[in-house]
Amino acid sequence: MDILIKLQQHFWEEYMSRLKKLILGLIILAGLISTVGDYKNFGLFGATGLFIIFLLTTVFLWQWASGKFPAVAKIQAIIILLASAIASIFVINMAIAGNLHVDLMEVMRISITHNSLFYLILCAVAWVKVDIWKWLFSDLQSEQNQPL
């Protein structure tokens, strides 16, 4: 009976490992595909800026969730994601101003007057994103914490 439970646990862990890899791949693929949409909407400059922000954010989350930055707490990771979201908004504003040939400061003034609910949702999304990445790499962290 004990062997059957261990076998069942092994298959469950293997299934979850594959599921997590699939989810991680889909997250990265969705980000890359959205870059094509960014090119259509914001031109080469906007798409390049958003792709660089996506790439840096993904690399940071990957490294942080896998335990490479143990000094970075969860709240700090959320703040870094919020900073990347604000940088994305700035890149989008620059692309809009460039494409419409309007003053960048006017576009910035309009975009920062969002409802406060917008910024609350931005914080919630960053929190959920950090939790998802932490969950995706939880197997790796548990393996690193086990004694040899």
Protein backbone atom coordinates (compact mmCIF):
# COMPACT_ATOMS: atom_id res chain seq x y z
CA MET A 1 0.00 0.00 0.00
CA ASP A 2 2.86 2.35 0.84
CA ILE A 3 4.43 1.74 -2.57
CA LEU A 4 1.12 2.53 -4.27
CA ILE A 5 0.89 5.87 -2.43
CA LYS A 6 4.48 6.76 -3.35
CA LEU A 7 3.83 5.84 -6.97
CA GLN A 8 0.67 7.94 -7.03
CA GLN A 9 2.57 10.86 -5.47
CA HIS A 10 5.35 10.48 -8.07
CA PHE A 11 2.86 10.57 -10.96
CA TRP A 12 1.11 13.61 -9.44
CA GLU A 13 4.41 15.46 -9.05
CA GLU A 14 5.40 14.57 -12.62
CA TYR A 15 2.00 15.77 -13.91
CA MET A 16 2.24 19.04 -11.97
CA SER A 17 5.79 19.57 -13.19
CA ARG A 18 4.71 19.21 -16.81
CA LEU A 19 1.64 21.39 -16.23
CA LYS A 20 3.79 24.13 -14.71
CA LYS A 21 6.21 24.00 -17.64
CA LEU A 22 3.29 24.24 -20.05
CA ILE A 23 1.83 27.24 -18.19
CA LEU A 24 5.23 28.95 -18.11
CA GLY A 25 5.66 28.38 -21.84
CA LEU A 26 2.19 29.76 -22.56
CA ILE A 27 2.88 32.88 -20.46
CA ILE A 28 6.09 33.58 -22.37
CA LEU A 29 4.50 32.76 -25.74
CA ALA A 30 1.56 35.08 -25.01
CA GLY A 31 4.00 37.88 -24.20
CA LEU A 32 5.89 37.34 -27.43
CA ILE A 33 2.69 37.21 -29.49
CA SER A 34 1.45 40.42 -27.89
CA THR A 35 4.61 42.11 -29.18
CA VAL A 36 3.27 41.61 -32.71
CA GLY A 37 0.07 43.40 -31.67
CA ASP A 38 2.17 46.13 -30.09
CA TYR A 39 3.95 46.61 -33.41
CA LYS A 40 0.62 47.11 -35.15
CA ASN A 41 -0.63 49.53 -32.50
CA PHE A 42 2.48 51.49 -31.51
CA GLY A 43 4.96 51.07 -34.34
CA LEU A 44 8.52 49.79 -34.19
CA PHE A 45 9.65 52.10 -31.39
CA GLY A 46 6.74 51.23 -29.09
CA ALA A 47 6.94 47.51 -29.81
CA THR A 48 10.70 47.45 -29.23
CA GLY A 49 10.37 49.31 -25.93
CA LEU A 50 7.55 47.08 -24.70
CA PHE A 51 9.45 43.96 -25.78
CA ILE A 52 12.55 45.06 -23.85
CA ILE A 53 10.44 45.72 -20.75
CA PHE A 54 8.74 42.32 -21.18
CA LEU A 55 12.10 40.61 -21.58
CA LEU A 56 13.65 42.29 -18.53
CA THR A 57 10.59 41.61 -16.39
CA THR A 58 10.46 37.97 -17.46
CA VAL A 59 14.16 37.44 -16.77
CA PHE A 60 13.83 39.10 -13.37
CA LEU A 61 10.77 37.02 -12.41
CA TRP A 62 12.46 33.84 -13.62
CA GLN A 63 15.59 34.53 -11.57
CA TRP A 64 13.67 35.70 -8.51
CA ALA A 65 11.16 32.84 -8.50
CA SER A 66 13.92 30.26 -8.94
CA GLY A 67 15.65 31.59 -5.81
CA LYS A 68 18.58 33.40 -7.41
CA PHE A 69 17.71 36.65 -5.54
CA PRO A 70 17.05 35.51 -1.96
CA ALA A 71 17.48 39.06 -0.64
CA VAL A 72 14.54 40.33 -2.72
CA ALA A 73 11.32 39.96 -0.76
CA LYS A 74 7.92 39.41 -2.35
CA ILE A 75 6.85 43.03 -1.79
CA GLN A 76 10.02 44.24 -3.51
CA ALA A 77 9.29 41.99 -6.49
CA ILE A 78 5.78 43.47 -6.65
CA ILE A 79 7.23 47.00 -6.59
CA ILE A 80 9.63 46.08 -9.41
CA LEU A 81 6.66 44.81 -11.45
CA LEU A 82 4.77 48.03 -10.76
CA ALA A 83 7.80 50.01 -11.95
CA SER A 84 7.88 47.96 -15.16
CA ALA A 85 4.16 48.60 -15.67
CA ILE A 86 4.71 52.35 -15.28
CA ALA A 87 7.63 52.15 -17.70
CA SER A 88 5.34 50.36 -20.17
CA ILE A 89 2.75 53.11 -19.82
CA PHE A 90 5.47 55.68 -20.51
CA VAL A 91 6.64 53.82 -23.64
CA ILE A 92 3.05 53.59 -24.87
CA ASN A 93 2.57 57.31 -24.27
CA MET A 94 5.75 58.10 -26.19
CA ALA A 95 4.59 55.93 -29.09
CA ILE A 96 1.15 57.57 -29.10
CA ALA A 97 2.67 61.04 -29.03
CA GLY A 98 5.05 60.13 -31.85
CA ASN A 99 2.40 58.52 -34.04
CA LEU A 100 -0.17 61.27 -33.55
CA HIS A 101 2.40 64.09 -33.63
CA VAL A 102 1.15 65.61 -30.38
CA ASP A 103 2.96 66.92 -27.31
CA LEU A 104 4.26 64.10 -25.09
CA MET A 105 3.52 66.09 -21.92
CA GLU A 106 -0.14 66.41 -22.92
CA VAL A 107 -0.38 62.67 -23.48
CA MET A 108 1.33 62.06 -20.12
CA ARG A 109 -1.02 64.45 -18.32
CA ILE A 110 -4.06 62.68 -19.72
CA SER A 111 -2.73 59.19 -18.99
CA ILE A 112 -1.81 59.81 -15.33
CA THR A 113 -5.27 61.11 -14.50
CA HIS A 114 -6.67 57.57 -14.49
CA ASN A 115 -9.17 56.58 -11.90
CA SER A 116 -7.49 55.40 -8.70
CA LEU A 117 -9.11 52.02 -9.32
CA PHE A 118 -6.76 51.65 -12.31
CA TYR A 119 -3.72 51.83 -10.04
CA LEU A 120 -5.32 49.49 -7.51
CA ILE A 121 -5.93 46.96 -10.28
CA LEU A 122 -2.31 47.42 -11.42
CA CYS A 123 -1.14 46.50 -7.89
CA ALA A 124 -3.44 43.47 -7.76
CA VAL A 125 -2.21 42.23 -11.13
CA ALA A 126 1.42 42.61 -10.02
CA TRP A 127 0.68 40.68 -6.82
CA VAL A 128 -1.04 37.85 -8.71
CA LYS A 129 1.75 37.72 -11.29
CA VAL A 130 4.39 37.38 -8.56
CA ASP A 131 2.36 34.63 -6.87
CA ILE A 132 1.95 32.72 -10.14
CA TRP A 133 5.68 32.85 -10.88
CA LYS A 134 6.47 31.78 -7.31
CA TRP A 135 4.07 28.84 -7.68
CA LEU A 136 5.54 27.86 -11.06
CA PHE A 137 9.00 27.57 -9.48
CA SER A 138 7.91 26.13 -6.12
CA ASP A 139 9.20 22.66 -7.05
CA LEU A 140 12.65 24.05 -7.82
CA GLN A 141 12.78 25.94 -4.52
CA SER A 142 11.70 22.92 -2.50
CA GLU A 143 14.44 20.87 -4.17
CA GLN A 144 17.02 23.54 -3.31
CA ASN A 145 15.91 23.65 0.34
CA GLN A 146 16.23 19.88 0.86
CA PRO A 147 19.44 18.72 2.55
CA LEU A 148 21.84 16.67 0.47
